[in-house]
């Protein structure tokens, strides 16, 4: 599935230096594993790196360092005070938005410093559908992540190689491979608009089996910005 997404949307070019954003969750670790192994036989030569932005939540990334060593993937941890700023100093009512903006800023700055040109996000198929639901319900627009996004200001390209894989498949892979998932200590975890969208999609699928497949097909073929027909 990962290779199919990479091929369908031309995500990788010869000589790419691709960093996988590692949160510590099952999604990012699955992507790391997939990209590390894909780099060994893919016809275009590219290099894989891993990076975590440490928000200051007291999370232990030792297991991830060990996995990176086994996969022969260089691993960088960027230390920040984002938790302290967002939750303690500013006491944000909507912490997720500011946290995400600060985290991306720290990540992109370090990427440029290290000379990486592409960022692989671990958004899977369910993430893409949830984002569509959130955009329609809370923003009044039809929008979701695109397979490939070029940030002209930063001169960085974002790719989403897990886009064809469901959350259930990711969870099964992470469990079967005993990936070193790190528990998320964020106090806002599980109490977000995304969680609401996730539960709404579960209900739609339960009431109308096949609904999620139809929604994803509509995204792929609906002419959304950043979604070329394949």
N, C-alpha and C. Protein backbone atom coordinates (compact mmCIF):
# COMPACT_ATOMS: atom_id res chain seq x y z
N UNK A 1 0.82 -1.21 0.00
CA UNK A 1 0.00 0.00 0.00
C UNK A 1 0.86 1.27 0.00
N UNK A 2 1.95 1.23 0.74
CA UNK A 2 2.83 2.40 0.79
C UNK A 2 3.45 2.66 -0.57
N UNK A 3 3.96 1.61 -1.19
CA UNK A 3 4.58 1.80 -2.50
C UNK A 3 3.54 2.26 -3.53
N UNK A 4 2.35 1.71 -3.44
CA UNK A 4 1.31 2.11 -4.38
C UNK A 4 1.02 3.60 -4.27
N UNK A 5 0.92 4.12 -3.05
CA UNK A 5 0.67 5.55 -2.85
C UNK A 5 1.84 6.37 -3.39
N UNK A 6 3.06 5.93 -3.10
CA UNK A 6 4.26 6.64 -3.57
C UNK A 6 4.29 6.70 -5.09
N UNK A 7 3.95 5.58 -5.73
CA UNK A 7 3.96 5.53 -7.19
C UNK A 7 2.81 6.32 -7.80
N UNK A 8 1.60 6.16 -7.24
CA UNK A 8 0.42 6.83 -7.80
C UNK A 8 0.57 8.34 -7.81
N UNK A 9 1.17 8.89 -6.76
CA UNK A 9 1.24 10.35 -6.63
C UNK A 9 2.67 10.90 -6.73
N UNK A 10 3.58 10.07 -7.25
CA UNK A 10 4.96 10.51 -7.53
C UNK A 10 5.58 11.24 -6.33
N UNK A 11 5.60 10.55 -5.19
CA UNK A 11 6.05 11.18 -3.95
C UNK A 11 7.56 11.24 -3.80
N UNK A 12 8.29 10.36 -4.50
CA UNK A 12 9.73 10.25 -4.28
C UNK A 12 10.51 10.46 -5.57
N UNK A 13 11.60 11.22 -5.46
CA UNK A 13 12.52 11.43 -6.58
C UNK A 13 13.91 10.98 -6.17
N UNK A 14 14.75 10.70 -7.16
CA UNK A 14 16.13 10.31 -6.88
C UNK A 14 16.83 11.36 -6.04
N UNK A 15 17.52 10.90 -5.01
CA UNK A 15 18.31 11.79 -4.18
C UNK A 15 17.55 12.46 -3.05
N UNK A 16 16.28 12.16 -2.90
CA UNK A 16 15.50 12.78 -1.82
C UNK A 16 16.06 12.43 -0.45
N UNK A 17 16.00 13.41 0.43
CA UNK A 17 16.31 13.20 1.85
C UNK A 17 15.00 13.40 2.60
N UNK A 18 14.40 12.29 2.99
CA UNK A 18 13.04 12.31 3.54
C UNK A 18 13.07 12.05 5.03
N UNK A 19 12.49 12.98 5.77
CA UNK A 19 12.42 12.80 7.23
C UNK A 19 11.00 12.40 7.61
N UNK A 20 10.91 11.37 8.46
CA UNK A 20 9.62 10.92 8.98
C UNK A 20 9.38 11.61 10.32
N UNK A 21 8.26 12.31 10.43
CA UNK A 21 7.93 12.95 11.69
C UNK A 21 7.43 11.92 12.69
N UNK A 22 8.15 11.75 13.79
CA UNK A 22 7.84 10.71 14.77
C UNK A 22 7.21 11.33 16.01
N UNK A 23 5.94 11.03 16.25
CA UNK A 23 5.27 11.50 17.46
C UNK A 23 5.44 10.50 18.60
N UNK A 24 5.68 9.24 18.21
CA UNK A 24 5.74 8.16 19.18
C UNK A 24 4.54 7.24 19.08
N UNK A 25 3.54 7.65 18.29
CA UNK A 25 2.34 6.84 18.12
C UNK A 25 2.51 5.75 17.08
N UNK A 26 1.49 4.91 16.98
CA UNK A 26 1.53 3.76 16.06
C UNK A 26 1.65 4.18 14.60
N UNK A 27 1.02 5.30 14.24
CA UNK A 27 1.01 5.74 12.84
C UNK A 27 2.41 6.10 12.36
N UNK A 28 3.09 6.97 13.12
CA UNK A 28 4.40 7.44 12.69
C UNK A 28 5.44 6.32 12.73
N UNK A 29 5.32 5.39 13.69
CA UNK A 29 6.28 4.28 13.74
C UNK A 29 6.06 3.30 12.61
N UNK A 30 4.81 3.10 12.23
CA UNK A 30 4.51 2.25 11.08
C UNK A 30 5.08 2.86 9.80
N UNK A 31 4.91 4.17 9.65
CA UNK A 31 5.46 4.85 8.48
C UNK A 31 6.98 4.76 8.45
N UNK A 32 7.61 4.95 9.61
CA UNK A 32 9.07 4.83 9.69
C UNK A 32 9.53 3.47 9.20
N UNK A 33 8.89 2.43 9.69
CA UNK A 33 9.24 1.05 9.32
C UNK A 33 9.06 0.85 7.81
N UNK A 34 7.92 1.32 7.30
CA UNK A 34 7.62 1.14 5.87
C UNK A 34 8.62 1.88 4.99
N UNK A 35 8.93 3.12 5.33
CA UNK A 35 9.84 3.92 4.50
C UNK A 35 11.27 3.39 4.58
N UNK A 36 11.68 2.95 5.75
CA UNK A 36 13.04 2.40 5.89
C UNK A 36 13.22 1.17 5.01
N UNK A 37 12.21 0.30 4.98
CA UNK A 37 12.32 -0.90 4.16
C UNK A 37 12.14 -0.59 2.68
N UNK A 38 11.26 0.36 2.35
CA UNK A 38 11.07 0.73 0.95
C UNK A 38 12.37 1.28 0.36
N UNK A 39 13.13 2.00 1.16
CA UNK A 39 14.37 2.62 0.66
C UNK A 39 15.41 1.57 0.24
N UNK A 40 15.24 0.34 0.70
CA UNK A 40 16.23 -0.70 0.40
C UNK A 40 16.09 -1.27 -1.00
N UNK A 41 14.87 -1.16 -1.57
CA UNK A 41 14.69 -1.79 -2.90
C UNK A 41 13.99 -0.89 -3.92
N UNK A 42 13.58 0.30 -3.52
CA UNK A 42 12.86 1.17 -4.44
C UNK A 42 13.80 1.60 -5.57
N UNK A 43 13.31 1.65 -6.82
CA UNK A 43 14.19 1.96 -7.96
C UNK A 43 14.82 3.35 -7.91
N UNK A 44 14.17 4.29 -7.21
CA UNK A 44 14.76 5.61 -7.05
C UNK A 44 15.48 5.65 -5.69
N UNK A 45 16.72 6.10 -5.69
CA UNK A 45 17.49 6.12 -4.46
C UNK A 45 17.08 7.31 -3.58
N UNK A 46 16.73 7.03 -2.34
CA UNK A 46 16.41 8.10 -1.40
C UNK A 46 16.87 7.68 -0.01
N UNK A 47 16.98 8.67 0.87
CA UNK A 47 17.48 8.41 2.22
C UNK A 47 16.41 8.79 3.24
N UNK A 48 16.31 7.99 4.30
CA UNK A 48 15.27 8.18 5.32
C UNK A 48 15.91 8.62 6.63
N UNK A 49 15.27 9.59 7.25
CA UNK A 49 15.69 10.09 8.57
C UNK A 49 14.45 10.13 9.46
N UNK A 50 14.66 10.24 10.75
CA UNK A 50 13.53 10.33 11.69
C UNK A 50 13.75 11.51 12.61
N UNK A 51 12.65 12.18 12.97
CA UNK A 51 12.77 13.34 13.85
C UNK A 51 11.54 13.44 14.75
N UNK A 52 11.79 13.75 16.01
CA UNK A 52 10.73 13.99 16.98
C UNK A 52 10.87 15.39 17.56
N UNK A 53 9.76 16.12 17.60
CA UNK A 53 9.74 17.39 18.33
C UNK A 53 9.23 17.07 19.73
N UNK A 54 10.11 17.17 20.71
CA UNK A 54 9.77 16.89 22.11
C UNK A 54 9.06 18.11 22.69
N UNK A 55 7.79 17.96 23.02
CA UNK A 55 6.98 19.08 23.49
C UNK A 55 7.23 19.42 24.95
N UNK A 56 7.98 18.57 25.65
CA UNK A 56 8.21 18.80 27.07
C UNK A 56 7.18 18.12 27.94
N UNK A 57 6.63 16.99 27.46
CA UNK A 57 5.59 16.26 28.18
C UNK A 57 6.15 15.11 29.02
N UNK A 58 7.48 14.96 29.05
CA UNK A 58 8.08 13.89 29.82
C UNK A 58 7.96 12.52 29.19
N UNK A 59 7.85 12.47 27.86
CA UNK A 59 7.73 11.19 27.15
C UNK A 59 9.11 10.58 26.93
N UNK A 60 9.20 9.25 27.02
CA UNK A 60 10.46 8.52 26.90
C UNK A 60 10.59 7.95 25.49
N UNK A 61 11.56 8.43 24.72
CA UNK A 61 11.74 8.00 23.33
C UNK A 61 12.88 6.99 23.17
N UNK A 62 13.29 6.35 24.26
CA UNK A 62 14.39 5.39 24.21
C UNK A 62 14.10 4.23 23.27
N UNK A 63 12.88 3.71 23.31
CA UNK A 63 12.51 2.60 22.44
C UNK A 63 12.55 2.97 20.97
N UNK A 64 12.19 4.22 20.68
CA UNK A 64 12.23 4.68 19.29
C UNK A 64 13.67 4.80 18.81
N UNK A 65 14.55 5.28 19.68
CA UNK A 65 15.97 5.35 19.32
C UNK A 65 16.50 3.96 18.98
N UNK A 66 16.09 2.96 19.76
CA UNK A 66 16.53 1.58 19.51
C UNK A 66 16.01 1.08 18.17
N UNK A 67 14.74 1.37 17.87
CA UNK A 67 14.17 0.96 16.58
C UNK A 67 14.92 1.62 15.43
N UNK A 68 15.21 2.90 15.56
CA UNK A 68 15.94 3.61 14.50
C UNK A 68 17.33 3.01 14.30
N UNK A 69 17.96 2.63 15.39
CA UNK A 69 19.28 1.99 15.28
C UNK A 69 19.17 0.67 14.52
N UNK A 70 18.12 -0.10 14.81
CA UNK A 70 17.91 -1.38 14.11
C UNK A 70 17.64 -1.17 12.63
N UNK A 71 16.90 -0.11 12.30
CA UNK A 71 16.56 0.18 10.91
C UNK A 71 17.66 0.96 10.19
N UNK A 72 18.71 1.34 10.96
CA UNK A 72 19.81 2.15 10.41
C UNK A 72 19.30 3.49 9.87
N UNK A 73 18.42 4.11 10.65
CA UNK A 73 17.85 5.42 10.31
C UNK A 73 18.33 6.45 11.34
N UNK A 74 19.02 7.52 10.93
CA UNK A 74 19.44 8.56 11.86
C UNK A 74 18.22 9.20 12.55
N UNK A 75 18.32 9.43 13.86
CA UNK A 75 17.18 9.94 14.64
C UNK A 75 17.57 11.21 15.37
N UNK A 76 16.75 12.25 15.24
CA UNK A 76 16.99 13.53 15.90
C UNK A 76 15.81 13.88 16.79
N UNK A 77 16.08 14.30 18.03
CA UNK A 77 15.04 14.79 18.93
C UNK A 77 15.25 16.29 19.12
N UNK A 78 14.22 17.07 18.81
CA UNK A 78 14.28 18.53 18.95
C UNK A 78 13.59 18.91 20.26
N UNK A 79 14.34 19.40 21.21
CA UNK A 79 13.79 19.77 22.51
C UNK A 79 13.09 21.13 22.41
N UNK A 80 11.89 21.25 22.99
CA UNK A 80 11.16 22.52 22.99
C UNK A 80 10.45 22.71 24.34
N UNK A 81 9.90 23.92 24.53
CA UNK A 81 9.09 24.23 25.71
C UNK A 81 7.63 24.47 25.31
N UNK A 82 7.20 23.78 24.27
CA UNK A 82 5.87 24.04 23.72
C UNK A 82 4.77 23.75 24.75
N UNK A 83 4.88 22.65 25.48
CA UNK A 83 3.85 22.34 26.48
C UNK A 83 3.74 23.46 27.51
N UNK A 84 4.87 23.90 28.02
CA UNK A 84 4.88 24.94 29.04
C UNK A 84 4.25 26.23 28.52
N UNK A 85 4.57 26.58 27.27
CA UNK A 85 4.05 27.81 26.67
C UNK A 85 2.54 27.72 26.45
N UNK A 86 2.08 26.62 25.86
CA UNK A 86 0.68 26.49 25.47
C UNK A 86 -0.24 26.26 26.66
N UNK A 87 0.15 25.34 27.55
CA UNK A 87 -0.75 24.94 28.62
C UNK A 87 -0.56 25.71 29.93
N UNK A 88 0.67 26.11 30.22
CA UNK A 88 0.92 26.74 31.51
C UNK A 88 1.01 28.26 31.41
N UNK A 89 1.78 28.78 30.48
CA UNK A 89 1.94 30.22 30.36
C UNK A 89 0.71 30.88 29.74
N UNK A 90 0.23 30.33 28.62
CA UNK A 90 -0.88 30.97 27.91
C UNK A 90 -2.24 30.37 28.26
N UNK A 91 -2.25 29.15 28.79
CA UNK A 91 -3.51 28.49 29.18
C UNK A 91 -4.54 28.58 28.06
N UNK A 92 -4.15 28.10 26.88
CA UNK A 92 -4.99 28.21 25.68
C UNK A 92 -6.30 27.42 25.81
N UNK A 93 -7.42 28.05 25.39
CA UNK A 93 -8.70 27.35 25.34
C UNK A 93 -8.71 26.32 24.22
N UNK A 94 -8.01 26.64 23.14
CA UNK A 94 -7.88 25.72 22.00
C UNK A 94 -6.41 25.39 21.81
N UNK A 95 -5.84 24.54 22.68
CA UNK A 95 -4.39 24.31 22.67
C UNK A 95 -3.88 23.62 21.41
N UNK A 96 -4.71 22.80 20.77
CA UNK A 96 -4.24 21.99 19.65
C UNK A 96 -3.74 22.84 18.48
N UNK A 97 -4.47 23.93 18.20
CA UNK A 97 -4.10 24.77 17.06
C UNK A 97 -2.73 25.41 17.24
N UNK A 98 -2.51 26.06 18.39
CA UNK A 98 -1.23 26.71 18.63
C UNK A 98 -0.11 25.68 18.76
N UNK A 99 -0.38 24.58 19.43
CA UNK A 99 0.63 23.53 19.59
C UNK A 99 1.09 23.01 18.23
N UNK A 100 0.12 22.74 17.35
CA UNK A 100 0.46 22.22 16.02
C UNK A 100 1.30 23.21 15.24
N UNK A 101 0.95 24.51 15.34
CA UNK A 101 1.68 25.54 14.61
C UNK A 101 3.13 25.64 15.12
N UNK A 102 3.30 25.60 16.44
CA UNK A 102 4.63 25.70 17.01
C UNK A 102 5.45 24.45 16.72
N UNK A 103 4.79 23.29 16.78
CA UNK A 103 5.49 22.04 16.51
C UNK A 103 5.99 21.99 15.07
N UNK A 104 5.12 22.39 14.13
CA UNK A 104 5.52 22.39 12.72
C UNK A 104 6.65 23.38 12.47
N UNK A 105 6.58 24.53 13.15
CA UNK A 105 7.64 25.52 12.98
C UNK A 105 8.99 25.00 13.43
N UNK A 106 9.00 24.35 14.61
CA UNK A 106 10.25 23.79 15.13
C UNK A 106 10.77 22.68 14.23
N UNK A 107 9.84 21.87 13.72
CA UNK A 107 10.20 20.75 12.85
C UNK A 107 10.81 21.25 11.54
N UNK A 108 10.10 22.16 10.89
CA UNK A 108 10.55 22.65 9.58
C UNK A 108 11.90 23.38 9.68
N UNK A 109 12.07 24.13 10.76
CA UNK A 109 13.34 24.85 10.95
C UNK A 109 14.51 23.87 11.08
N UNK A 110 14.30 22.79 11.83
CA UNK A 110 15.36 21.79 12.00
C UNK A 110 15.60 21.03 10.70
N UNK A 111 14.54 20.77 9.94
CA UNK A 111 14.68 20.10 8.65
C UNK A 111 15.61 20.89 7.73
N UNK A 112 15.36 22.18 7.63
CA UNK A 112 16.17 23.02 6.75
C UNK A 112 17.62 23.07 7.22
N UNK A 113 17.79 23.11 8.52
CA UNK A 113 19.14 23.13 9.09
C UNK A 113 19.92 21.88 8.73
N UNK A 114 19.22 20.73 8.71
CA UNK A 114 19.89 19.44 8.44
C UNK A 114 19.92 19.09 6.95
N UNK A 115 19.27 19.89 6.12
CA UNK A 115 19.35 19.67 4.68
C UNK A 115 18.37 18.66 4.12
N UNK A 116 17.27 18.37 4.86
CA UNK A 116 16.25 17.45 4.35
C UNK A 116 15.31 18.22 3.42
N UNK A 117 14.80 17.57 2.38
CA UNK A 117 13.93 18.29 1.44
C UNK A 117 12.49 17.81 1.44
N UNK A 118 12.23 16.66 2.06
CA UNK A 118 10.85 16.17 2.10
C UNK A 118 10.50 15.67 3.50
N UNK A 119 9.24 15.89 3.84
CA UNK A 119 8.72 15.47 5.14
C UNK A 119 7.60 14.47 4.92
N UNK A 120 7.74 13.28 5.49
CA UNK A 120 6.71 12.25 5.37
C UNK A 120 5.83 12.27 6.62
N UNK A 121 4.55 12.60 6.43
CA UNK A 121 3.58 12.57 7.51
C UNK A 121 2.86 11.23 7.52
N UNK A 122 2.46 10.78 8.71
CA UNK A 122 1.85 9.46 8.85
C UNK A 122 0.33 9.52 8.82
N UNK A 123 -0.23 10.41 8.03
CA UNK A 123 -1.69 10.47 7.91
C UNK A 123 -2.19 9.28 7.10
N UNK A 124 -3.06 8.48 7.70
CA UNK A 124 -3.62 7.33 7.00
C UNK A 124 -4.98 7.68 6.39
N UNK A 125 -5.65 6.69 5.83
CA UNK A 125 -6.89 6.95 5.11
C UNK A 125 -7.97 7.54 6.02
N UNK A 126 -8.05 7.04 7.25
CA UNK A 126 -9.06 7.55 8.17
C UNK A 126 -8.79 9.01 8.54
N UNK A 127 -7.51 9.37 8.70
CA UNK A 127 -7.16 10.77 8.98
C UNK A 127 -7.66 11.70 7.88
N UNK A 128 -7.49 11.24 6.65
CA UNK A 128 -7.89 12.06 5.50
C UNK A 128 -9.41 12.29 5.49
N UNK A 129 -10.17 11.22 5.80
CA UNK A 129 -11.63 11.36 5.84
C UNK A 129 -12.08 12.20 7.03
N UNK A 130 -11.42 12.03 8.17
CA UNK A 130 -11.78 12.83 9.35
C UNK A 130 -11.55 14.31 9.10
N UNK A 131 -10.46 14.63 8.41
CA UNK A 131 -10.17 16.02 8.10
C UNK A 131 -11.22 16.62 7.17
N UNK A 132 -11.69 15.82 6.23
CA UNK A 132 -12.78 16.28 5.35
C UNK A 132 -14.02 16.61 6.17
N UNK A 133 -14.38 15.71 7.09
CA UNK A 133 -15.57 15.93 7.92
C UNK A 133 -15.40 17.19 8.77
N UNK A 134 -14.22 17.37 9.36
CA UNK A 134 -13.97 18.55 10.19
C UNK A 134 -14.07 19.84 9.37
N UNK A 135 -13.53 19.81 8.16
CA UNK A 135 -13.56 21.00 7.31
C UNK A 135 -14.99 21.38 6.95
N UNK A 136 -15.81 20.38 6.64
CA UNK A 136 -17.19 20.67 6.27
C UNK A 136 -18.01 21.14 7.47
N UNK A 137 -17.84 20.47 8.62
CA UNK A 137 -18.65 20.76 9.80
C UNK A 137 -18.27 22.06 10.49
N UNK A 138 -16.97 22.32 10.58
CA UNK A 138 -16.50 23.43 11.41
C UNK A 138 -15.95 24.62 10.63
N UNK A 139 -15.69 24.42 9.31
CA UNK A 139 -15.12 25.51 8.51
C UNK A 139 -15.98 25.88 7.31
N UNK A 140 -16.94 25.02 6.98
CA UNK A 140 -17.82 25.31 5.86
C UNK A 140 -17.14 25.20 4.51
N UNK A 141 -16.17 24.30 4.39
CA UNK A 141 -15.49 24.11 3.11
C UNK A 141 -15.20 22.63 2.90
N UNK A 142 -14.98 22.27 1.64
CA UNK A 142 -14.66 20.88 1.29
C UNK A 142 -13.16 20.80 1.07
N UNK A 143 -12.45 20.26 2.06
CA UNK A 143 -10.99 20.27 2.02
C UNK A 143 -10.47 19.12 2.88
N UNK A 144 -9.33 18.58 2.48
CA UNK A 144 -8.61 17.62 3.32
C UNK A 144 -7.15 17.60 2.90
N UNK A 145 -6.33 16.82 3.65
CA UNK A 145 -4.92 16.69 3.29
C UNK A 145 -4.80 16.23 1.84
N UNK A 146 -3.78 16.70 1.14
CA UNK A 146 -3.50 16.18 -0.20
C UNK A 146 -2.32 15.21 -0.11
N UNK A 147 -2.19 14.30 -1.08
CA UNK A 147 -1.10 13.32 -1.04
C UNK A 147 0.29 13.97 -1.02
N UNK A 148 0.45 15.04 -1.78
CA UNK A 148 1.73 15.77 -1.85
C UNK A 148 1.44 17.26 -1.73
N UNK A 149 2.16 17.94 -0.85
CA UNK A 149 1.99 19.38 -0.66
C UNK A 149 3.35 20.06 -0.70
N UNK A 150 3.49 21.07 -1.54
CA UNK A 150 4.75 21.81 -1.61
C UNK A 150 4.61 23.12 -0.87
N UNK A 151 5.50 23.35 0.10
CA UNK A 151 5.51 24.59 0.86
C UNK A 151 6.55 25.52 0.24
N UNK A 152 6.10 26.41 -0.61
CA UNK A 152 7.03 27.24 -1.38
C UNK A 152 7.85 28.16 -0.48
N UNK A 153 7.25 28.66 0.59
CA UNK A 153 7.97 29.58 1.47
C UNK A 153 9.15 28.89 2.15
N UNK A 154 8.95 27.61 2.52
CA UNK A 154 9.99 26.84 3.20
C UNK A 154 10.81 26.00 2.22
N UNK A 155 10.32 25.89 0.97
CA UNK A 155 10.94 25.03 -0.05
C UNK A 155 11.04 23.59 0.45
N UNK A 156 9.94 23.12 1.03
CA UNK A 156 9.84 21.76 1.53
C UNK A 156 8.61 21.09 0.91
N UNK A 157 8.69 19.78 0.72
CA UNK A 157 7.57 19.01 0.20
C UNK A 157 7.09 18.02 1.25
N UNK A 158 5.78 17.99 1.48
CA UNK A 158 5.19 17.03 2.42
C UNK A 158 4.53 15.90 1.64
N UNK A 159 4.78 14.67 2.05
CA UNK A 159 4.17 13.51 1.40
C UNK A 159 3.46 12.66 2.46
N UNK A 160 2.47 11.89 2.01
CA UNK A 160 1.67 11.08 2.93
C UNK A 160 1.58 9.65 2.40
N UNK A 161 2.63 8.86 2.60
CA UNK A 161 2.70 7.51 2.02
C UNK A 161 1.72 6.49 2.62
N UNK A 162 1.11 6.78 3.77
CA UNK A 162 0.17 5.83 4.38
C UNK A 162 -1.28 6.09 3.96
N UNK A 163 -1.49 6.93 2.95
CA UNK A 163 -2.82 7.40 2.62
C UNK A 163 -3.80 6.31 2.21
N UNK A 164 -3.32 5.16 1.76
CA UNK A 164 -4.21 4.06 1.37
C UNK A 164 -4.47 3.07 2.51
N UNK A 165 -3.87 3.28 3.65
CA UNK A 165 -3.93 2.30 4.73
C UNK A 165 -4.91 2.78 5.80
N UNK A 166 -5.79 1.88 6.26
CA UNK A 166 -6.76 2.25 7.29
C UNK A 166 -6.10 2.28 8.66
N UNK A 167 -6.75 2.95 9.59
CA UNK A 167 -6.23 3.00 10.96
C UNK A 167 -6.17 1.60 11.57
N UNK A 168 -7.16 0.77 11.24
CA UNK A 168 -7.16 -0.60 11.75
C UNK A 168 -5.97 -1.40 11.26
N UNK A 169 -5.60 -1.22 10.00
CA UNK A 169 -4.44 -1.92 9.45
C UNK A 169 -3.15 -1.44 10.10
N UNK A 170 -3.07 -0.13 10.36
CA UNK A 170 -1.89 0.42 11.04
C UNK A 170 -1.78 -0.17 12.44
N UNK A 171 -2.90 -0.21 13.16
CA UNK A 171 -2.89 -0.73 14.53
C UNK A 171 -2.47 -2.20 14.56
N UNK A 172 -2.97 -2.99 13.59
CA UNK A 172 -2.61 -4.40 13.53
C UNK A 172 -1.13 -4.58 13.23
N UNK A 173 -0.60 -3.78 12.32
CA UNK A 173 0.83 -3.87 11.98
C UNK A 173 1.70 -3.52 13.17
N UNK A 174 1.35 -2.41 13.85
CA UNK A 174 2.13 -1.98 15.01
C UNK A 174 2.12 -3.04 16.10
N UNK A 175 0.98 -3.68 16.28
CA UNK A 175 0.87 -4.74 17.29
C UNK A 175 1.67 -5.97 16.88
N UNK A 176 1.53 -6.40 15.64
CA UNK A 176 2.22 -7.60 15.18
C UNK A 176 3.74 -7.43 15.19
N UNK A 177 4.21 -6.23 14.86
CA UNK A 177 5.64 -5.98 14.80
C UNK A 177 6.21 -5.51 16.15
N UNK A 178 5.32 -5.38 17.15
CA UNK A 178 5.71 -4.95 18.49
C UNK A 178 6.51 -3.64 18.44
N UNK A 179 5.96 -2.67 17.70
CA UNK A 179 6.62 -1.37 17.59
C UNK A 179 6.56 -0.64 18.94
N UNK A 180 7.62 0.11 19.28
CA UNK A 180 7.72 0.74 20.60
C UNK A 180 6.89 2.01 20.74
N UNK A 181 5.57 1.84 20.74
CA UNK A 181 4.66 2.98 20.84
C UNK A 181 4.83 3.68 22.19
N UNK A 182 4.89 5.01 22.15
CA UNK A 182 5.04 5.82 23.36
C UNK A 182 3.69 6.45 23.69
N UNK A 183 3.24 6.30 24.91
CA UNK A 183 1.95 6.86 25.32
C UNK A 183 1.97 8.38 25.24
N UNK A 184 0.92 8.94 24.66
CA UNK A 184 0.80 10.38 24.53
C UNK A 184 0.36 10.98 25.87
N UNK A 185 1.17 11.84 26.45
CA UNK A 185 0.86 12.45 27.73
C UNK A 185 0.10 13.77 27.62
N UNK A 186 -0.28 14.17 26.41
CA UNK A 186 -0.95 15.45 26.23
C UNK A 186 -2.30 15.44 26.93
N UNK A 187 -2.61 16.45 27.75
CA UNK A 187 -3.89 16.49 28.45
C UNK A 187 -5.09 16.69 27.53
N UNK A 188 -4.85 17.15 26.30
CA UNK A 188 -5.96 17.35 25.35
C UNK A 188 -6.21 16.13 24.49
N UNK A 189 -5.41 15.07 24.63
CA UNK A 189 -5.53 13.89 23.79
C UNK A 189 -6.88 13.22 24.00
N UNK A 190 -7.60 12.96 22.90
CA UNK A 190 -8.88 12.29 22.98
C UNK A 190 -10.07 13.21 23.19
N UNK A 191 -9.84 14.52 23.33
CA UNK A 191 -10.93 15.47 23.57
C UNK A 191 -10.91 16.55 22.49
N UNK A 192 -10.83 16.15 21.26
CA UNK A 192 -10.67 17.09 20.16
C UNK A 192 -11.79 16.97 19.13
N UNK A 193 -11.84 17.94 18.22
CA UNK A 193 -12.79 17.88 17.11
C UNK A 193 -12.51 16.67 16.23
N UNK A 194 -11.23 16.31 16.14
CA UNK A 194 -10.88 15.13 15.34
C UNK A 194 -11.50 13.87 15.93
N UNK A 195 -11.48 13.75 17.25
CA UNK A 195 -12.10 12.60 17.88
C UNK A 195 -13.60 12.56 17.59
N UNK A 196 -14.23 13.72 17.58
CA UNK A 196 -15.66 13.80 17.24
C UNK A 196 -15.89 13.31 15.81
N UNK A 197 -15.04 13.77 14.87
CA UNK A 197 -15.17 13.36 13.47
C UNK A 197 -14.93 11.86 13.33
N UNK A 198 -13.97 11.33 14.09
CA UNK A 198 -13.69 9.89 14.04
C UNK A 198 -14.92 9.08 14.47
N UNK A 199 -15.53 9.50 15.56
CA UNK A 199 -16.71 8.78 16.07
C UNK A 199 -17.89 8.91 15.12
N UNK A 200 -18.01 10.06 14.47
CA UNK A 200 -19.07 10.26 13.48
C UNK A 200 -18.89 9.31 12.30
N UNK A 201 -17.66 9.16 11.84
CA UNK A 201 -17.40 8.23 10.72
C UNK A 201 -17.66 6.79 11.13
N UNK A 202 -17.30 6.44 12.36
CA UNK A 202 -17.60 5.09 12.85
C UNK A 202 -19.11 4.82 12.79
N UNK A 203 -19.89 5.80 13.22
CA UNK A 203 -21.35 5.64 13.22
C UNK A 203 -21.89 5.52 11.80
N UNK A 204 -21.38 6.35 10.89
CA UNK A 204 -21.81 6.27 9.49
C UNK A 204 -21.52 4.88 8.90
N UNK A 205 -20.32 4.37 9.19
CA UNK A 205 -19.94 3.05 8.67
C UNK A 205 -20.80 1.95 9.30
N UNK A 206 -21.11 2.11 10.57
CA UNK A 206 -21.94 1.11 11.25
C UNK A 206 -23.37 1.11 10.70
N UNK A 207 -23.90 2.30 10.46
CA UNK A 207 -25.28 2.41 9.94
C UNK A 207 -25.36 2.09 8.46
N UNK A 208 -24.28 2.39 7.72
CA UNK A 208 -24.28 2.19 6.27
C UNK A 208 -22.95 1.56 5.87
N UNK A 209 -22.80 0.25 6.00
CA UNK A 209 -21.53 -0.42 5.67
C UNK A 209 -21.04 -0.05 4.27
N UNK A 210 -19.77 0.32 4.18
CA UNK A 210 -19.20 0.75 2.91
C UNK A 210 -19.17 2.26 2.76
N UNK A 211 -19.74 2.99 3.73
CA UNK A 211 -19.81 4.45 3.63
C UNK A 211 -18.42 5.07 3.58
N UNK A 212 -17.50 4.56 4.40
CA UNK A 212 -16.16 5.15 4.43
C UNK A 212 -15.43 4.92 3.11
N UNK A 213 -15.64 3.76 2.50
CA UNK A 213 -15.03 3.49 1.20
C UNK A 213 -15.54 4.48 0.16
N UNK A 214 -16.84 4.79 0.22
CA UNK A 214 -17.43 5.72 -0.73
C UNK A 214 -16.91 7.14 -0.50
N UNK A 215 -16.74 7.51 0.78
CA UNK A 215 -16.23 8.85 1.09
C UNK A 215 -14.81 9.01 0.58
N UNK A 216 -13.97 7.99 0.79
CA UNK A 216 -12.59 8.09 0.32
C UNK A 216 -12.53 8.13 -1.21
N UNK A 217 -13.39 7.36 -1.86
CA UNK A 217 -13.45 7.38 -3.32
C UNK A 217 -13.86 8.77 -3.82
N UNK A 218 -14.79 9.41 -3.12
CA UNK A 218 -15.22 10.75 -3.50
C UNK A 218 -14.07 11.75 -3.36
N UNK A 219 -13.24 11.57 -2.33
CA UNK A 219 -12.08 12.44 -2.15
C UNK A 219 -11.11 12.25 -3.31
N UNK A 220 -10.81 11.00 -3.64
CA UNK A 220 -9.84 10.70 -4.70
C UNK A 220 -10.28 11.24 -6.06
N UNK A 221 -11.57 11.16 -6.35
CA UNK A 221 -12.05 11.46 -7.70
C UNK A 221 -12.87 12.74 -7.77
N UNK A 222 -12.91 13.50 -6.67
CA UNK A 222 -13.79 14.67 -6.63
C UNK A 222 -13.17 15.97 -7.11
N UNK A 223 -11.93 15.91 -7.57
CA UNK A 223 -11.31 17.13 -8.09
C UNK A 223 -10.88 18.12 -7.02
N UNK A 224 -10.63 17.64 -5.81
CA UNK A 224 -10.18 18.53 -4.73
C UNK A 224 -8.79 19.07 -5.05
N UNK A 225 -8.49 20.24 -4.54
CA UNK A 225 -7.16 20.84 -4.74
C UNK A 225 -6.08 19.91 -4.22
N UNK A 226 -5.07 19.65 -5.05
CA UNK A 226 -3.96 18.79 -4.66
C UNK A 226 -4.19 17.31 -4.87
N UNK A 227 -5.35 16.97 -5.47
CA UNK A 227 -5.67 15.56 -5.69
C UNK A 227 -5.80 15.28 -7.19
N UNK A 228 -4.66 15.07 -7.88
CA UNK A 228 -4.74 14.73 -9.31
C UNK A 228 -5.36 13.35 -9.50
N UNK A 229 -6.04 13.18 -10.59
CA UNK A 229 -6.67 11.87 -10.87
C UNK A 229 -5.58 10.84 -11.17
N UNK A 230 -5.75 9.63 -10.64
CA UNK A 230 -4.79 8.55 -10.89
C UNK A 230 -5.52 7.34 -11.44
